[in-house]
N, C-alpha and C. Protein backbone atom coordinates (compact mmCIF):
# COMPACT_ATOMS: atom_id res chain seq x y z
N UNK A 1 39.73 -133.84 -3.36
CA UNK A 1 40.75 -132.97 -2.64
C UNK A 1 39.58 -132.47 -1.07
N UNK A 2 40.40 -132.80 -0.11
CA UNK A 2 39.73 -132.40 1.05
C UNK A 2 39.55 -130.51 1.11
N UNK A 3 38.23 -130.21 1.76
CA UNK A 3 38.47 -128.95 1.54
C UNK A 3 38.96 -128.42 3.06
N UNK A 4 39.82 -127.47 2.86
CA UNK A 4 40.63 -127.47 3.84
C UNK A 4 40.02 -125.60 4.75
N UNK A 5 39.04 -125.34 4.55
CA UNK A 5 38.44 -124.42 5.12
C UNK A 5 38.48 -124.62 6.88
N UNK A 6 38.83 -123.71 7.82
CA UNK A 6 38.41 -123.86 8.86
C UNK A 6 37.49 -124.04 9.45
N UNK A 7 37.06 -124.92 10.35
CA UNK A 7 35.98 -125.01 11.27
C UNK A 7 35.55 -123.86 12.18
N UNK A 8 34.49 -123.97 12.12
CA UNK A 8 34.01 -122.39 12.89
C UNK A 8 33.48 -122.92 14.23
N UNK A 9 33.64 -124.10 14.60
CA UNK A 9 33.07 -124.73 15.48
C UNK A 9 31.60 -124.79 15.65
N UNK A 10 30.55 -124.26 14.75
CA UNK A 10 29.21 -124.10 14.66
C UNK A 10 28.95 -125.25 13.91
N UNK A 11 27.68 -125.64 14.38
CA UNK A 11 26.65 -127.14 14.30
C UNK A 11 26.32 -126.33 13.07
N UNK A 12 25.53 -127.26 11.92
CA UNK A 12 24.98 -126.19 10.70
C UNK A 12 23.82 -125.68 11.33
N UNK A 13 23.07 -125.58 11.86
CA UNK A 13 21.79 -125.04 12.26
C UNK A 13 22.43 -123.96 12.72
N UNK A 14 23.44 -123.82 13.73
CA UNK A 14 24.21 -122.26 14.17
C UNK A 14 24.48 -121.57 12.84
N UNK A 15 25.24 -122.36 12.03
CA UNK A 15 26.02 -121.63 10.86
C UNK A 15 24.86 -121.02 9.90
N UNK A 16 23.56 -121.76 9.78
CA UNK A 16 22.10 -121.25 8.89
C UNK A 16 21.71 -120.21 9.76
N UNK A 17 21.70 -120.07 11.30
CA UNK A 17 21.05 -119.02 11.74
C UNK A 17 22.04 -117.14 11.80
N UNK A 18 23.18 -117.90 11.90
CA UNK A 18 24.66 -116.95 11.74
C UNK A 18 24.22 -116.41 10.12
N UNK A 19 24.06 -116.96 9.21
CA UNK A 19 24.24 -116.43 7.91
C UNK A 19 22.87 -115.61 7.60
N UNK A 20 21.66 -116.03 8.04
CA UNK A 20 20.44 -115.43 8.18
C UNK A 20 20.43 -113.68 8.75
N UNK A 21 21.62 -114.17 9.71
CA UNK A 21 21.35 -112.81 10.52
C UNK A 21 22.29 -111.64 9.77
N UNK A 22 23.55 -112.50 9.06
CA UNK A 22 24.11 -111.54 8.30
C UNK A 22 23.75 -110.78 7.09
N UNK A 23 22.74 -111.61 6.81
CA UNK A 23 22.12 -111.05 5.48
C UNK A 23 21.09 -110.54 5.85
N UNK A 24 20.43 -110.37 6.80
CA UNK A 24 19.19 -109.38 7.56
C UNK A 24 19.88 -108.18 8.01
N UNK A 25 21.08 -108.00 8.45
CA UNK A 25 22.00 -106.99 8.29
C UNK A 25 22.49 -105.89 7.34
N UNK A 26 22.82 -106.70 6.76
CA UNK A 26 23.24 -106.22 5.07
C UNK A 26 22.14 -105.94 4.45
N UNK A 27 21.04 -106.50 4.32
CA UNK A 27 19.46 -105.86 3.52
C UNK A 27 19.39 -104.35 4.37
N UNK A 28 19.48 -104.39 5.65
CA UNK A 28 18.83 -103.43 6.81
C UNK A 28 19.99 -102.30 6.32
N UNK A 29 21.21 -102.52 6.14
CA UNK A 29 22.43 -101.58 5.58
C UNK A 29 22.07 -100.91 4.44
N UNK A 30 21.72 -101.77 3.47
CA UNK A 30 21.37 -101.31 1.96
C UNK A 30 19.92 -100.55 1.72
N UNK A 31 19.16 -100.69 2.84
CA UNK A 31 17.61 -99.51 3.13
C UNK A 31 18.16 -98.52 3.25
N UNK A 32 19.31 -98.22 3.98
CA UNK A 32 19.18 -96.71 4.96
C UNK A 32 19.85 -95.61 3.75
N UNK A 33 19.13 -94.46 3.75
CA UNK A 33 19.25 -93.45 2.72
C UNK A 33 21.42 -93.65 2.57
N UNK A 34 21.12 -93.33 1.40
CA UNK A 34 22.96 -92.96 0.63
C UNK A 34 23.96 -92.35 1.97
N UNK A 35 23.29 -91.24 2.63
CA UNK A 35 24.13 -90.60 3.28
C UNK A 35 24.37 -91.05 4.31
N UNK A 36 23.34 -91.52 5.28
CA UNK A 36 23.70 -92.73 6.26
C UNK A 36 24.78 -93.80 6.21
N UNK A 37 24.11 -94.38 4.92
CA UNK A 37 25.03 -95.90 4.75
C UNK A 37 26.08 -95.46 4.44
N UNK A 38 26.59 -94.80 4.02
CA UNK A 38 28.16 -94.26 3.42
C UNK A 38 28.99 -93.68 4.87
N UNK A 39 28.16 -93.38 5.81
CA UNK A 39 29.25 -93.15 7.26
C UNK A 39 29.15 -94.06 8.20
N UNK A 40 28.14 -94.97 7.85
CA UNK A 40 27.87 -96.19 8.43
C UNK A 40 28.99 -97.18 8.02
N UNK A 41 29.14 -97.27 7.04
CA UNK A 41 29.63 -98.48 6.36
C UNK A 41 31.59 -97.94 6.49
N UNK A 42 31.80 -96.80 6.64
CA UNK A 42 33.25 -96.26 6.42
C UNK A 42 33.52 -96.36 7.84
N UNK A 43 32.78 -96.22 9.01
CA UNK A 43 32.85 -96.37 10.31
C UNK A 43 32.76 -98.02 10.62
N UNK A 44 31.78 -98.13 10.53
CA UNK A 44 32.35 -100.05 11.06
C UNK A 44 32.44 -100.90 10.77
N UNK A 45 32.07 -100.84 8.97
CA UNK A 45 33.19 -101.86 7.98
C UNK A 45 34.50 -101.36 7.85
N UNK A 46 34.78 -100.16 7.65
CA UNK A 46 36.25 -99.63 7.21
C UNK A 46 37.21 -99.33 8.26
N UNK A 47 36.15 -99.14 9.43
CA UNK A 47 36.87 -98.37 10.84
C UNK A 47 37.75 -97.58 10.70
N UNK A 48 37.01 -96.39 9.97
CA UNK A 48 37.64 -95.01 10.11
C UNK A 48 37.33 -94.34 11.13
N UNK A 49 38.07 -93.35 11.58
CA UNK A 49 37.69 -92.30 12.66
C UNK A 49 36.48 -91.61 12.07
N UNK A 50 36.09 -90.64 12.83
CA UNK A 50 35.17 -89.49 12.62
C UNK A 50 35.93 -88.69 11.64
N UNK A 51 37.17 -88.28 12.08
CA UNK A 51 37.94 -86.95 11.26
C UNK A 51 38.07 -87.55 9.98
N UNK A 52 38.61 -88.99 9.93
CA UNK A 52 38.65 -89.41 8.16
C UNK A 52 37.29 -89.62 7.65
N UNK A 53 36.09 -89.83 8.31
CA UNK A 53 34.64 -89.83 7.66
C UNK A 53 34.65 -88.42 6.86
N UNK A 54 35.08 -87.76 7.93
CA UNK A 54 34.59 -86.32 7.48
C UNK A 54 35.35 -85.52 6.33
N UNK A 55 36.43 -86.32 6.28
CA UNK A 55 37.53 -85.89 5.27
C UNK A 55 37.14 -86.11 3.91
N UNK A 56 36.93 -87.80 4.08
CA UNK A 56 36.69 -88.36 2.79
C UNK A 56 35.39 -87.92 2.11
N UNK A 57 34.52 -87.83 2.96
CA UNK A 57 32.95 -87.30 2.57
C UNK A 57 32.57 -86.26 2.07
N UNK A 58 33.58 -85.37 2.86
CA UNK A 58 33.43 -83.50 2.58
C UNK A 58 32.45 -82.87 3.70
N UNK A 59 32.41 -83.59 4.96
CA UNK A 59 31.39 -82.62 5.62
C UNK A 59 32.00 -82.38 7.11
N UNK A 60 31.65 -81.63 8.20
CA UNK A 60 31.81 -81.57 9.16
C UNK A 60 31.75 -83.00 10.36
N UNK A 61 33.02 -82.95 11.12
CA UNK A 61 32.87 -84.22 11.98
C UNK A 61 31.46 -84.27 12.88
N UNK A 62 31.15 -82.90 13.24
CA UNK A 62 29.47 -83.24 13.79
C UNK A 62 28.50 -83.66 12.95
N UNK A 63 28.37 -83.08 11.77
CA UNK A 63 27.69 -84.08 10.60
C UNK A 63 27.90 -85.67 10.59
N UNK A 64 29.21 -85.78 10.61
CA UNK A 64 29.32 -87.12 10.60
C UNK A 64 28.86 -87.97 11.95
N UNK A 65 28.85 -87.24 13.14
CA UNK A 65 28.43 -87.86 14.22
C UNK A 65 26.90 -87.96 14.20
N UNK A 66 26.22 -86.93 13.67
CA UNK A 66 24.69 -86.67 13.67
C UNK A 66 24.44 -88.05 12.45
N UNK A 67 24.85 -88.36 11.24
CA UNK A 67 24.55 -89.02 10.09
C UNK A 67 24.93 -90.43 10.70
N UNK A 68 25.57 -90.81 12.11
CA UNK A 68 26.00 -92.31 12.43
C UNK A 68 24.94 -92.62 13.28
N UNK A 69 24.68 -91.27 14.43
CA UNK A 69 23.40 -91.58 15.34
C UNK A 69 22.17 -92.04 14.19
N UNK A 70 21.82 -91.10 13.61
CA UNK A 70 20.45 -91.49 13.10
C UNK A 70 20.29 -92.96 12.08
N UNK A 71 21.76 -92.98 11.79
CA UNK A 71 21.97 -94.20 10.99
C UNK A 71 21.61 -95.43 11.82
N UNK A 72 22.31 -95.48 12.91
CA UNK A 72 22.20 -96.54 14.01
C UNK A 72 20.71 -96.73 14.70
N UNK A 73 20.18 -95.95 14.76
CA UNK A 73 18.74 -95.66 15.38
C UNK A 73 18.15 -96.41 14.39
N UNK A 74 18.51 -96.06 12.90
CA UNK A 74 17.27 -96.85 11.73
C UNK A 74 17.00 -98.20 11.95
N UNK A 75 19.02 -98.89 12.03
CA UNK A 75 18.99 -99.50 11.86
C UNK A 75 18.52 -101.06 13.07
N UNK A 76 18.49 -100.05 14.36
CA UNK A 76 18.18 -100.85 15.24
C UNK A 76 16.41 -100.63 15.34
N UNK A 77 15.91 -100.29 14.71
CA UNK A 77 14.60 -99.95 14.60
C UNK A 77 14.09 -100.85 13.56
N UNK A 78 14.86 -100.93 12.35
CA UNK A 78 14.44 -101.97 11.77
C UNK A 78 14.94 -103.90 12.42
N UNK A 79 15.68 -103.77 12.68
CA UNK A 79 16.35 -104.67 13.35
C UNK A 79 15.55 -105.63 14.70
N UNK A 80 15.17 -104.45 15.40
CA UNK A 80 14.53 -104.67 16.50
C UNK A 80 15.23 -105.51 17.30
N UNK A 81 14.52 -105.80 18.39
CA UNK A 81 15.06 -107.15 19.62
C UNK A 81 16.04 -107.83 19.34
N UNK A 82 15.75 -108.58 17.91
CA UNK A 82 16.82 -109.59 17.55
C UNK A 82 18.24 -108.99 17.71
N UNK A 83 18.54 -107.77 17.23
CA UNK A 83 20.17 -107.44 16.84
C UNK A 83 20.59 -106.64 18.29
N UNK A 84 19.50 -107.12 19.52
CA UNK A 84 20.24 -106.19 20.61
C UNK A 84 20.53 -108.16 21.22
N UNK A 85 19.20 -109.09 20.72
CA UNK A 85 19.72 -110.70 21.55
C UNK A 85 20.99 -110.91 20.88
N UNK A 86 21.31 -110.36 19.84
CA UNK A 86 22.35 -111.11 18.89
C UNK A 86 23.91 -110.51 18.91
N UNK A 87 23.64 -109.13 19.93
CA UNK A 87 24.63 -108.40 19.92
C UNK A 87 24.82 -107.50 18.86
N UNK A 88 24.03 -107.40 17.77
CA UNK A 88 24.41 -106.45 16.69
C UNK A 88 24.44 -105.30 17.10
N UNK A 89 23.67 -105.12 18.14
CA UNK A 89 23.25 -103.73 18.42
C UNK A 89 24.73 -102.80 19.08
N UNK A 90 25.59 -103.78 19.81
CA UNK A 90 26.90 -103.46 20.15
C UNK A 90 27.67 -103.15 19.24
N UNK A 91 27.66 -103.88 18.20
CA UNK A 91 28.44 -103.43 16.95
C UNK A 91 28.28 -101.97 16.34
N UNK A 92 26.34 -102.13 16.49
CA UNK A 92 26.42 -100.54 15.97
C UNK A 92 26.66 -99.56 16.67
N UNK A 93 27.07 -99.74 17.96
CA UNK A 93 26.86 -98.16 18.66
C UNK A 93 28.27 -98.15 18.96
């Protein structure tokens, strides 16, 4: 049976590089302290607003903002210049 997955338009080398980048970001997120990981996942992956995150986690909005800022700083420190070059820093800010 023919593989019916859509073609991403990337050659095998580009797909490998993309997969490696995704894995690197995943490991960086997993390395965050739980409090930071929780808010970054809710904001960046689940798309929740600061108000929604505050309600779910049970913390003030200011604390959500602070934890997000610290989580993003840590991720950028771990991912370094490669994150900025690939546009990952745009997604984290």
